[in-house]
Amino acid sequence: MTRPVPFDSTTLRPRLPSPLEEVTDERFTRHGVRLLLKRDDLIHPELIGNKWRKLVPNLEAAAGRPVVTFGGAYSNHLRATAAAGRLLGLPTIGVVRGDELADRPLNPSLARCAADGMRLRFVDRATYRRKTDPGTLAVVLRDADAEDAYVVPEGGSNAAAVRGCRALGEELRDHADAVALACGTGGTLAGLAAGLGPGRRALGIPVLRGGFLGDGIRALQTEAFGGPVGDWQLDERFHFGGYARTTPALEEFARDFEGRHGLPVERLYVAKSLYALVVLAEEGAFPRGTRLAAVVTGAPFTP
């Protein structure tokens, strides 16, 4: 019988707690709001932001077994998992949505995964939609020759990840009255809200369309903590067309924010959350005197 391999996250040399930086921006100061940037993008150069907080508890649970996870062709989560595998000497398998991609050249994101040693398995979209069904998952694992692997869900959001993200709220509870971040699968928000404590609120900006995320977050909190925890809400208005979608207006906003504050702004998540906060401040959503923290959950991908 193989003995589990101990995992020590300190070997990856994270920068924790991540820095908290106050910036001066008249779009907030004229409404009496202090803007703080929670620089989770500086936790680790390859396991960036909430990917660190969500992946590390799952890597500990994997105990040296190969890790199977899921994502689309441009998934930040797949890249982070592949990088973790390379850094730790851990086999990784990425199940990618879209079997039509199997015969095409790898895009830069998937090429990075492959370069980091991840085995890529492409499945048709109907199978991918059913990936959480036990029977379908068993077939996917068998076809990938990974039946004994540890499975991490799409986006890395499960009970272990949610409990890992609770530390983000704990790091902010004494410094912010409201905390905002962009959401994909909702695991980071679920943990953040639990860690903030009474009198603090968390705001999620979904980057996908559909209005389904609230139920998912409640389910994650129930799985992780036994029920809903913390004061959190979602504002569904700022997805800019859906995941991986941007517009010229969002691009212009991101470039302007970079010029004002010297922060490299990731477009698919971070730009949408920052844009939302400017609009919300103008709408009077934050009382004067509010300490508003924006979580920088990632950095721009450079092929």
C-alpha atoms as a PDB file:
ATOM      1  CA  MET A   1       0.000   0.000   0.000  1.00  0.00           C
ATOM      2  CA  THR A   2       1.370   3.425  -0.937  1.00  0.00           C
ATOM      3  CA  ARG A   3       1.951   5.704   2.022  1.00  0.00           C
ATOM      4  CA  PRO A   4       0.491   9.244   1.558  1.00  0.00           C
ATOM      5  CA  VAL A   5       3.108  11.895   0.858  1.00  0.00           C
ATOM      6  CA  PRO A   6       3.107  14.711   3.444  1.00  0.00           C
ATOM      7  CA  PHE A   7       2.398  18.097   1.920  1.00  0.00           C
ATOM      8  CA  ASP A   8       3.847  21.296   3.347  1.00  0.00           C
ATOM      9  CA  SER A   9       2.592  24.456   1.640  1.00  0.00           C
ATOM     10  CA  THR A  10       5.524  26.482   3.008  1.00  0.00           C
ATOM     11  CA  THR A  11       7.774  24.744   0.468  1.00  0.00           C
ATOM     12  CA  LEU A  12       6.048  26.871  -2.182  1.00  0.00           C
ATOM     13  CA  ARG A  13       7.020  30.059  -0.317  1.00  0.00           C
ATOM     14  CA  PRO A  14       3.726  31.953  -0.340  1.00  0.00           C
ATOM     15  CA  ARG A  15       3.470  35.597   0.635  1.00  0.00           C
ATOM     16  CA  LEU A  16       0.797  35.515   3.316  1.00  0.00           C
ATOM     17  CA  PRO A  17      -1.070  37.458   4.420  1.00  0.00           C
ATOM     18  CA  SER A  18      -1.150  39.169   1.066  1.00  0.00           C
ATOM     19  CA  PRO A  19      -0.493  42.945   1.056  1.00  0.00           C
ATOM     20  CA  LEU A  20      -3.306  45.441   1.569  1.00  0.00           C
ATOM     21  CA  GLU A  21      -2.711  48.741  -0.227  1.00  0.00           C
ATOM     22  CA  GLU A  22      -4.802  51.898   0.002  1.00  0.00           C
ATOM     23  CA  VAL A  23      -5.050  53.887  -3.228  1.00  0.00           C
ATOM     24  CA  THR A  24      -6.374  57.380  -3.813  1.00  0.00           C
ATOM     25  CA  ASP A  25      -9.009  57.538  -6.533  1.00  0.00           C
ATOM     26  CA  GLU A  26     -11.345  60.503  -6.788  1.00  0.00           C
ATOM     27  CA  ARG A  27     -14.143  58.281  -8.083  1.00  0.00           C
ATOM     28  CA  PHE A  28     -14.306  56.895  -4.541  1.00  0.00           C
ATOM     29  CA  THR A  29     -12.969  59.725  -2.382  1.00  0.00           C
ATOM     30  CA  ARG A  30     -15.637  62.152  -3.586  1.00  0.00           C
ATOM     31  CA  HIS A  31     -18.188  59.773  -2.082  1.00  0.00           C
ATOM     32  CA  GLY A  32     -16.269  59.443   1.174  1.00  0.00           C
ATOM     33  CA  VAL A  33     -15.132  55.880   0.381  1.00  0.00           C
ATOM     34  CA  ARG A  34     -11.612  54.595   1.019  1.00  0.00           C
ATOM     35  CA  LEU A  35     -10.454  52.097  -1.618  1.00  0.00           C
ATOM     36  CA  LEU A  36      -8.116  49.297  -0.523  1.00  0.00           C
ATOM     37  CA  LEU A  37      -6.577  46.717  -2.854  1.00  0.00           C
ATOM     38  CA  LYS A  38      -6.111  43.251  -1.364  1.00  0.00           C
ATOM     39  CA  ARG A  39      -3.175  42.057  -3.437  1.00  0.00           C
ATOM     40  CA  ASP A  40      -3.808  38.340  -3.611  1.00  0.00           C
ATOM     41  CA  ASP A  41      -2.095  38.494  -6.999  1.00  0.00           C
ATOM     42  CA  LEU A  42       1.174  38.726  -5.042  1.00  0.00           C
ATOM     43  CA  ILE A  43       0.751  35.538  -2.988  1.00  0.00           C
ATOM     44  CA  HIS A  44       2.757  33.412  -5.407  1.00  0.00           C
ATOM     45  CA  PRO A  45       4.088  34.062  -8.928  1.00  0.00           C
ATOM     46  CA  GLU A  46       2.411  30.956 -10.389  1.00  0.00           C
ATOM     47  CA  LEU A  47      -0.348  29.969  -7.944  1.00  0.00           C
ATOM     48  CA  ILE A  48      -1.890  33.399  -8.097  1.00  0.00           C
ATOM     49  CA  GLY A  49      -4.533  34.859  -5.849  1.00  0.00           C
ATOM     50  CA  ASN A  50      -7.559  32.803  -4.991  1.00  0.00           C
ATOM     51  CA  LYS A  51      -6.011  29.878  -6.886  1.00  0.00           C
ATOM     52  CA  TRP A  52      -3.520  29.498  -4.029  1.00  0.00           C
ATOM     53  CA  ARG A  53      -6.210  29.707  -1.372  1.00  0.00           C
ATOM     54  CA  LYS A  54      -8.416  27.144  -3.130  1.00  0.00           C
ATOM     55  CA  LEU A  55      -5.773  24.737  -4.423  1.00  0.00           C
ATOM     56  CA  VAL A  56      -3.557  24.275  -1.385  1.00  0.00           C
ATOM     57  CA  PRO A  57      -6.232  22.596   0.803  1.00  0.00           C
ATOM     58  CA  ASN A  58      -6.997  20.238  -2.084  1.00  0.00           C
ATOM     59  CA  LEU A  59      -3.331  19.442  -2.656  1.00  0.00           C
ATOM     60  CA  GLU A  60      -3.079  18.562   1.023  1.00  0.00           C
ATOM     61  CA  ALA A  61      -6.108  16.282   0.679  1.00  0.00           C
ATOM     62  CA  ALA A  62      -4.647  14.650  -2.437  1.00  0.00           C
ATOM     63  CA  ALA A  63      -1.781  13.333  -0.272  1.00  0.00           C
ATOM     64  CA  GLY A  64       0.516  12.716  -3.217  1.00  0.00           C
ATOM     65  CA  ARG A  65      -2.065  11.137  -5.536  1.00  0.00           C
ATOM     66  CA  PRO A  66      -2.464  12.404  -9.098  1.00  0.00           C
ATOM     67  CA  VAL A  67      -4.913  15.298  -9.377  1.00  0.00           C
ATOM     68  CA  VAL A  68      -7.680  15.444 -11.984  1.00  0.00           C
ATOM     69  CA  THR A  69      -9.514  18.691 -12.580  1.00  0.00           C
ATOM     70  CA  PHE A  70     -11.685  20.393 -15.173  1.00  0.00           C
ATOM     71  CA  GLY A  71     -11.799  23.600 -17.180  1.00  0.00           C
ATOM     72  CA  GLY A  72     -12.303  25.374 -20.455  1.00  0.00           C
ATOM     73  CA  ALA A  73      -9.669  26.150 -23.030  1.00  0.00           C
ATOM     74  CA  TYR A  74      -8.584  29.354 -21.241  1.00  0.00           C
ATOM     75  CA  SER A  75      -9.008  28.200 -17.652  1.00  0.00           C
ATOM     76  CA  ASN A  76      -6.873  29.982 -15.059  1.00  0.00           C
ATOM     77  CA  HIS A  77      -7.604  27.076 -12.733  1.00  0.00           C
ATOM     78  CA  LEU A  78      -6.111  24.517 -15.124  1.00  0.00           C
ATOM     79  CA  ARG A  79      -2.932  26.576 -15.459  1.00  0.00           C
ATOM     80  CA  ALA A  80      -2.582  26.956 -11.698  1.00  0.00           C
ATOM     81  CA  THR A  81      -3.117  23.236 -11.130  1.00  0.00           C
ATOM     82  CA  ALA A  82      -0.558  22.358 -13.772  1.00  0.00           C
ATOM     83  CA  ALA A  83       1.954  24.757 -12.223  1.00  0.00           C
ATOM     84  CA  ALA A  84       1.358  23.239  -8.783  1.00  0.00           C
ATOM     85  CA  GLY A  85       1.968  19.800 -10.208  1.00  0.00           C
ATOM     86  CA  ARG A  86       5.291  20.864 -11.697  1.00  0.00           C
ATOM     87  CA  LEU A  87       6.414  22.603  -8.514  1.00  0.00           C
ATOM     88  CA  LEU A  88       5.483  19.651  -6.303  1.00  0.00           C
ATOM     89  CA  GLY A  89       6.308  16.780  -8.636  1.00  0.00           C
ATOM     90  CA  LEU A  90       2.636  15.787  -8.648  1.00  0.00           C
ATOM     91  CA  PRO A  91       0.948  14.241 -11.723  1.00  0.00           C
ATOM     92  CA  THR A  92      -1.962  16.325 -13.020  1.00  0.00           C
ATOM     93  CA  ILE A  93      -4.656  15.600 -15.584  1.00  0.00           C
ATOM     94  CA  GLY A  94      -6.801  18.357 -17.069  1.00  0.00           C
ATOM     95  CA  VAL A  95     -10.194  17.457 -18.529  1.00  0.00           C
ATOM     96  CA  VAL A  96     -10.920  20.152 -21.099  1.00  0.00           C
ATOM     97  CA  ARG A  97     -14.356  21.130 -22.412  1.00  0.00           C
ATOM     98  CA  GLY A  98     -14.647  20.569 -26.185  1.00  0.00           C
ATOM     99  CA  ASP A  99     -13.427  17.444 -27.978  1.00  0.00           C
ATOM    100  CA  GLU A 100     -13.137  19.499 -31.168  1.00  0.00           C
ATOM    101  CA  LEU A 101     -10.002  21.036 -29.640  1.00  0.00           C
ATOM    102  CA  ALA A 102      -8.129  17.740 -29.599  1.00  0.00           C
ATOM    103  CA  ASP A 103      -6.995  18.029 -33.236  1.00  0.00           C
ATOM    104  CA  ARG A 104      -6.132  21.723 -33.111  1.00  0.00           C
ATOM    105  CA  PRO A 105      -2.904  23.387 -32.014  1.00  0.00           C
ATOM    106  CA  LEU A 106      -2.966  24.191 -28.307  1.00  0.00           C
ATOM    107  CA  ASN A 107      -3.778  27.780 -27.443  1.00  0.00           C
ATOM    108  CA  PRO A 108      -1.237  29.585 -25.210  1.00  0.00           C
ATOM    109  CA  SER A 109      -3.129  28.737 -22.021  1.00  0.00           C
ATOM    110  CA  LEU A 110      -3.340  25.008 -22.721  1.00  0.00           C
ATOM    111  CA  ALA A 111       0.206  25.001 -24.057  1.00  0.00           C
ATOM    112  CA  ARG A 112       1.367  26.311 -20.686  1.00  0.00           C
ATOM    113  CA  CYS A 113      -0.532  23.510 -18.964  1.00  0.00           C
ATOM    114  CA  ALA A 114       1.122  20.919 -21.187  1.00  0.00           C
ATOM    115  CA  ALA A 115       4.559  22.459 -20.692  1.00  0.00           C
ATOM    116  CA  ASP A 116       4.042  22.129 -16.943  1.00  0.00           C
ATOM    117  CA  GLY A 117       3.416  18.417 -17.358  1.00  0.00           C
ATOM    118  CA  MET A 118      -0.382  18.283 -17.281  1.00  0.00           C
ATOM    119  CA  ARG A 119      -1.946  15.515 -19.338  1.00  0.00           C
ATOM    120  CA  LEU A 120      -4.842  17.028 -21.279  1.00  0.00           C
ATOM    121  CA  ARG A 121      -7.986  15.043 -22.009  1.00  0.00           C
ATOM    122  CA  PHE A 122     -10.595  16.622 -24.287  1.00  0.00           C
ATOM    123  CA  VAL A 123     -14.243  15.606 -23.851  1.00  0.00           C
ATOM    124  CA  ASP A 124     -17.349  16.552 -25.776  1.00  0.00           C
ATOM    125  CA  ARG A 125     -19.480  19.328 -24.350  1.00  0.00           C
ATOM    126  CA  ALA A 126     -22.418  17.085 -23.465  1.00  0.00           C
ATOM    127  CA  THR A 127     -20.154  14.853 -21.370  1.00  0.00           C
ATOM    128  CA  TYR A 128     -18.535  17.887 -19.802  1.00  0.00           C
ATOM    129  CA  ARG A 129     -21.913  19.229 -18.680  1.00  0.00           C
ATOM    130  CA  ARG A 130     -22.558  15.916 -16.896  1.00  0.00           C
ATOM    131  CA  LYS A 131     -19.119  15.731 -15.277  1.00  0.00           C
ATOM    132  CA  THR A 132     -20.487  15.853 -11.726  1.00  0.00           C
ATOM    133  CA  ASP A 133     -22.735  12.830 -12.354  1.00  0.00           C
ATOM    134  CA  PRO A 134     -20.993   9.877 -10.631  1.00  0.00           C
ATOM    135  CA  GLY A 135     -21.435   7.551 -13.595  1.00  0.00           C
ATOM    136  CA  THR A 136     -20.122  10.070 -16.104  1.00  0.00           C
ATOM    137  CA  LEU A 137     -17.209  10.996 -13.838  1.00  0.00           C
ATOM    138  CA  ALA A 138     -16.263   7.328 -13.471  1.00  0.00           C
ATOM    139  CA  VAL A 139     -16.122   6.945 -17.258  1.00  0.00           C
ATOM    140  CA  VAL A 140     -14.040  10.126 -17.645  1.00  0.00           C
ATOM    141  CA  LEU A 141     -11.570   8.937 -15.002  1.00  0.00           C
ATOM    142  CA  ARG A 142     -11.343   5.473 -16.525  1.00  0.00           C
ATOM    143  CA  ASP A 143     -10.724   6.866 -20.002  1.00  0.00           C
ATOM    144  CA  ALA A 144      -8.001   9.117 -18.572  1.00  0.00           C
ATOM    145  CA  ASP A 145      -6.397   6.150 -16.766  1.00  0.00           C
ATOM    146  CA  ALA A 146      -6.881   8.094 -13.510  1.00  0.00           C
ATOM    147  CA  GLU A 147      -9.373   6.046 -11.523  1.00  0.00           C
ATOM    148  CA  ASP A 148      -7.343   6.436  -8.303  1.00  0.00           C
ATOM    149  CA  ALA A 149      -6.788  10.187  -8.724  1.00  0.00           C
ATOM    150  CA  TYR A 150      -7.982  12.951  -6.412  1.00  0.00           C
ATOM    151  CA  VAL A 151     -10.697  14.970  -8.177  1.00  0.00           C
ATOM    152  CA  VAL A 152     -10.860  18.758  -7.906  1.00  0.00           C
ATOM    153  CA  PRO A 153     -14.007  20.313  -9.434  1.00  0.00           C
ATOM    154  CA  GLU A 154     -14.086  22.981 -12.132  1.00  0.00           C
ATOM    155  CA  GLY A 155     -12.751  26.255 -10.778  1.00  0.00           C
ATOM    156  CA  GLY A 156     -11.405  24.475  -7.709  1.00  0.00           C
ATOM    157  CA  SER A 157     -14.520  25.211  -5.630  1.00  0.00           C
ATOM    158  CA  ASN A 158     -15.401  22.545  -3.070  1.00  0.00           C
ATOM    159  CA  ALA A 159     -15.667  22.387   0.714  1.00  0.00           C
ATOM    160  CA  ALA A 160     -11.894  22.214   1.192  1.00  0.00           C
ATOM    161  CA  ALA A 161     -11.370  25.264  -1.024  1.00  0.00           C
ATOM    162  CA  VAL A 162     -14.113  27.237   0.731  1.00  0.00           C
ATOM    163  CA  ARG A 163     -12.564  26.553   4.120  1.00  0.00           C
ATOM    164  CA  GLY A 164      -9.206  27.642   2.686  1.00  0.00           C
ATOM    165  CA  CYS A 165     -10.693  30.935   1.481  1.00  0.00           C
ATOM    166  CA  ARG A 166     -12.022  31.715   4.951  1.00  0.00           C
ATOM    167  CA  ALA A 167      -8.517  33.007   5.747  1.00  0.00           C
ATOM    168  CA  LEU A 168      -9.036  35.797   3.204  1.00  0.00           C
ATOM    169  CA  GLY A 169     -11.928  37.145   5.258  1.00  0.00           C
ATOM    170  CA  GLU A 170      -9.969  36.760   8.470  1.00  0.00           C
ATOM    171  CA  GLU A 171      -7.119  38.817   7.005  1.00  0.00           C
ATOM    172  CA  LEU A 172      -9.546  41.624   6.124  1.00  0.00           C
ATOM    173  CA  ARG A 173     -12.020  41.698   9.015  1.00  0.00           C
ATOM    174  CA  ASP A 174     -10.134  44.353  10.994  1.00  0.00           C
ATOM    175  CA  HIS A 175      -9.339  46.520   7.976  1.00  0.00           C
ATOM    176  CA  ALA A 176     -12.450  46.708   5.783  1.00  0.00           C
ATOM    177  CA  ASP A 177     -16.178  47.270   6.175  1.00  0.00           C
ATOM    178  CA  ALA A 178     -17.052  45.819   2.772  1.00  0.00           C
ATOM    179  CA  VAL A 179     -15.079  43.478   0.535  1.00  0.00           C
ATOM    180  CA  ALA A 180     -15.723  42.887  -3.163  1.00  0.00           C
ATOM    181  CA  LEU A 181     -14.388  40.415  -5.689  1.00  0.00           C
ATOM    182  CA  ALA A 182     -15.242  38.880  -9.043  1.00  0.00           C
ATOM    183  CA  CYS A 183     -16.794  35.399  -8.932  1.00  0.00           C
ATOM    184  CA  GLY A 184     -16.647  32.424 -11.266  1.00  0.00           C
ATOM    185  CA  THR A 185     -17.744  29.337  -9.344  1.00  0.00           C
ATOM    186  CA  GLY A 186     -18.292  31.182  -6.050  1.00  0.00           C
ATOM    187  CA  GLY A 187     -15.942  29.285  -3.752  1.00  0.00           C
ATOM    188  CA  THR A 188     -13.825  32.284  -2.828  1.00  0.00           C
ATOM    189  CA  LEU A 189     -16.851  34.408  -1.920  1.00  0.00           C
ATOM    190  CA  ALA A 190     -18.313  31.548   0.130  1.00  0.00           C
ATOM    191  CA  GLY A 191     -15.166  31.341   2.245  1.00  0.00           C
ATOM    192  CA  LEU A 192     -14.503  35.074   2.376  1.00  0.00           C
ATOM    193  CA  ALA A 193     -17.951  35.797   3.811  1.00  0.00           C
ATOM    194  CA  ALA A 194     -17.443  33.182   6.506  1.00  0.00           C
ATOM    195  CA  GLY A 195     -14.147  34.704   7.576  1.00  0.00           C
ATOM    196  CA  LEU A 196     -15.164  38.367   7.669  1.00  0.00           C
ATOM    197  CA  GLY A 197     -17.172  38.145  10.870  1.00  0.00           C
ATOM    198  CA  PRO A 198     -20.128  40.221  12.106  1.00  0.00           C
ATOM    199  CA  GLY A 199     -20.700  43.730  10.780  1.00  0.00           C
ATOM    200  CA  ARG A 200     -18.788  43.165   7.546  1.00  0.00           C
ATOM    201  CA  ARG A 201     -20.281  42.395   4.161  1.00  0.00           C
ATOM    202  CA  ALA A 202     -18.981  40.645   1.071  1.00  0.00           C
ATOM    203  CA  LEU A 203     -20.022  41.543  -2.463  1.00  0.00           C
ATOM    204  CA  GLY A 204     -19.579  39.184  -5.396  1.00  0.00           C
ATOM    205  CA  ILE A 205     -19.490  40.287  -9.032  1.00  0.00           C
ATOM    206  CA  PRO A 206     -20.319  37.233 -11.195  1.00  0.00           C
ATOM    207  CA  VAL A 207     -18.423  37.060 -14.483  1.00  0.00           C
ATOM    208  CA  LEU A 208     -20.832  34.502 -15.956  1.00  0.00           C
ATOM    209  CA  ARG A 209     -24.403  35.043 -17.032  1.00  0.00           C
ATOM    210  CA  GLY A 210     -27.278  32.956 -15.754  1.00  0.00           C
ATOM    211  CA  GLY A 211     -28.192  33.981 -12.222  1.00  0.00           C
ATOM    212  CA  PHE A 212     -27.324  30.532 -10.839  1.00  0.00           C
ATOM    213  CA  LEU A 213     -24.402  31.465  -8.619  1.00  0.00           C
ATOM    214  CA  GLY A 214     -26.361  32.251  -5.455  1.00  0.00           C
ATOM    215  CA  ASP A 215     -27.626  28.692  -5.124  1.00  0.00           C
ATOM    216  CA  GLY A 216     -24.126  27.393  -5.742  1.00  0.00           C
ATOM    217  CA  ILE A 217     -22.629  29.557  -3.006  1.00  0.00           C
ATOM    218  CA  ARG A 218     -25.272  28.485  -0.512  1.00  0.00           C
ATOM    219  CA  ALA A 219     -24.577  24.849  -1.375  1.00  0.00           C
ATOM    220  CA  LEU A 220     -20.824  25.336  -0.939  1.00  0.00           C
ATOM    221  CA  GLN A 221     -21.281  27.001   2.444  1.00  0.00           C
ATOM    222  CA  THR A 222     -23.566  24.190   3.561  1.00  0.00           C
ATOM    223  CA  GLU A 223     -21.000  21.624   2.473  1.00  0.00           C
ATOM    224  CA  ALA A 224     -18.134  23.479   4.163  1.00  0.00           C
ATOM    225  CA  PHE A 225     -19.774  24.899   7.298  1.00  0.00           C
ATOM    226  CA  GLY A 226     -23.130  23.181   7.664  1.00  0.00           C
ATOM    227  CA  GLY A 227     -25.185  26.164   6.493  1.00  0.00           C
ATOM    228  CA  PRO A 228     -25.111  29.791   5.297  1.00  0.00           C
ATOM    229  CA  VAL A 229     -22.452  31.939   6.951  1.00  0.00           C
ATOM    230  CA  GLY A 230     -21.793  35.674   6.794  1.00  0.00           C
ATOM    231  CA  ASP A 231     -23.359  38.636   5.025  1.00  0.00           C
ATOM    232  CA  TRP A 232     -22.870  38.342   1.272  1.00  0.00           C
ATOM    233  CA  GLN A 233     -24.688  39.397  -1.868  1.00  0.00           C
ATOM    234  CA  LEU A 234     -24.243  39.335  -5.634  1.00  0.00           C
ATOM    235  CA  ASP A 235     -24.569  42.030  -8.281  1.00  0.00           C
ATOM    236  CA  GLU A 236     -25.222  40.330 -11.616  1.00  0.00           C
ATOM    237  CA  ARG A 237     -24.945  43.420 -13.839  1.00  0.00           C
ATOM    238  CA  PHE A 238     -21.252  43.401 -14.698  1.00  0.00           C
ATOM    239  CA  HIS A 239     -20.464  40.181 -16.587  1.00  0.00           C
ATOM    240  CA  PHE A 240     -19.949  42.132 -19.866  1.00  0.00           C
ATOM    241  CA  GLY A 241     -21.536  39.377 -21.902  1.00  0.00           C
ATOM    242  CA  GLY A 242     -20.291  36.357 -19.988  1.00  0.00           C
ATOM    243  CA  TYR A 243     -17.119  34.478 -19.148  1.00  0.00           C
ATOM    244  CA  ALA A 244     -14.063  35.476 -21.186  1.00  0.00           C
ATOM    245  CA  ARG A 245     -16.090  38.326 -22.734  1.00  0.00           C
ATOM    246  CA  THR A 246     -14.942  41.918 -22.648  1.00  0.00           C
ATOM    247  CA  THR A 247     -15.943  45.128 -24.381  1.00  0.00           C
ATOM    248  CA  PRO A 248     -14.035  48.197 -25.604  1.00  0.00           C
ATOM    249  CA  ALA A 249     -15.429  50.133 -22.627  1.00  0.00           C
ATOM    250  CA  LEU A 250     -14.071  47.572 -20.164  1.00  0.00           C
ATOM    251  CA  GLU A 251     -10.711  47.530 -21.924  1.00  0.00           C
ATOM    252  CA  GLU A 252     -10.520  51.329 -21.759  1.00  0.00           C
ATOM    253  CA  PHE A 253     -11.444  51.256 -18.067  1.00  0.00           C
ATOM    254  CA  ALA A 254      -8.749  48.669 -17.295  1.00  0.00           C
ATOM    255  CA  ARG A 255      -6.044  50.636 -19.099  1.00  0.00           C
ATOM    256  CA  ASP A 256      -7.077  53.787 -17.254  1.00  0.00           C
ATOM    257  CA  PHE A 257      -6.984  52.015 -13.878  1.00  0.00           C
ATOM    258  CA  GLU A 258      -3.530  50.638 -14.669  1.00  0.00           C
ATOM    259  CA  GLY A 259      -2.327  54.137 -15.522  1.00  0.00           C
ATOM    260  CA  ARG A 260      -3.779  55.670 -12.368  1.00  0.00           C
ATOM    261  CA  HIS A 261      -2.523  53.076  -9.900  1.00  0.00           C
ATOM    262  CA  GLY A 262       0.263  51.054 -11.515  1.00  0.00           C
ATOM    263  CA  LEU A 263      -1.689  47.811 -11.081  1.00  0.00           C
ATOM    264  CA  PRO A 264      -1.664  45.238 -13.896  1.00  0.00           C
ATOM    265  CA  VAL A 265      -5.404  44.576 -14.291  1.00  0.00           C
ATOM    266  CA  GLU A 266      -6.524  41.075 -15.290  1.00  0.00           C
ATOM    267  CA  ARG A 267      -9.394  41.560 -17.740  1.00  0.00           C
ATOM    268  CA  LEU A 268     -11.739  38.584 -17.289  1.00  0.00           C
ATOM    269  CA  TYR A 269     -12.265  38.907 -13.538  1.00  0.00           C
ATOM    270  CA  VAL A 270     -10.506  41.806 -11.839  1.00  0.00           C
ATOM    271  CA  ALA A 271     -11.420  44.491 -14.375  1.00  0.00           C
ATOM    272  CA  LYS A 272     -15.110  43.608 -14.075  1.00  0.00           C
ATOM    273  CA  SER A 273     -15.073  43.849 -10.279  1.00  0.00           C
ATOM    274  CA  LEU A 274     -13.245  47.182 -10.260  1.00  0.00           C
ATOM    275  CA  TYR A 275     -15.575  48.602 -12.903  1.00  0.00           C
ATOM    276  CA  ALA A 276     -18.547  47.469 -10.816  1.00  0.00           C
ATOM    277  CA  LEU A 277     -17.206  49.224  -7.728  1.00  0.00           C
ATOM    278  CA  VAL A 278     -16.843  52.539  -9.567  1.00  0.00           C
ATOM    279  CA  VAL A 279     -20.468  52.289 -10.707  1.00  0.00           C
ATOM    280  CA  LEU A 280     -21.694  51.257  -7.265  1.00  0.00           C
ATOM    281  CA  ALA A 281     -19.833  54.116  -5.576  1.00  0.00           C
ATOM    282  CA  GLU A 282     -21.483  56.547  -7.980  1.00  0.00           C
ATOM    283  CA  GLU A 283     -24.859  54.984  -7.163  1.00  0.00           C
ATOM    284  CA  GLY A 284     -24.281  55.594  -3.461  1.00  0.00           C
ATOM    285  CA  ALA A 285     -24.081  51.914  -2.543  1.00  0.00           C
ATOM    286  CA  PHE A 286     -21.408  52.542   0.110  1.00  0.00           C
ATOM    287  CA  PRO A 287     -22.027  54.900   3.059  1.00  0.00           C
ATOM    288  CA  ARG A 288     -19.532  57.693   3.596  1.00  0.00           C
ATOM    289  CA  GLY A 289     -16.632  56.465   5.681  1.00  0.00           C
ATOM    290  CA  THR A 290     -16.739  52.949   4.205  1.00  0.00           C
ATOM    291  CA  ARG A 291     -13.439  51.104   3.977  1.00  0.00           C
ATOM    292  CA  LEU A 292     -13.926  49.188   0.728  1.00  0.00           C
ATOM    293  CA  ALA A 293     -11.501  46.380  -0.112  1.00  0.00           C
ATOM    294  CA  ALA A 294     -11.281  45.063  -3.668  1.00  0.00           C
ATOM    295  CA  VAL A 295      -9.668  41.620  -3.869  1.00  0.00           C
ATOM    296  CA  VAL A 296      -7.204  41.371  -6.753  1.00  0.00           C
ATOM    297  CA  THR A 297      -7.775  37.690  -7.406  1.00  0.00           C
ATOM    298  CA  GLY A 298      -5.392  37.287 -10.321  1.00  0.00           C
ATOM    299  CA  ALA A 299      -2.928  38.842 -12.715  1.00  0.00           C
ATOM    300  CA  PRO A 300      -2.895  39.115 -16.528  1.00  0.00           C
ATOM    301  CA  PHE A 301      -1.748  35.906 -18.222  1.00  0.00           C
ATOM    302  CA  THR A 302       1.453  36.283 -20.196  1.00  0.00           C
ATOM    303  CA  PRO A 303       2.063  33.379 -22.631  1.00  0.00           C
END
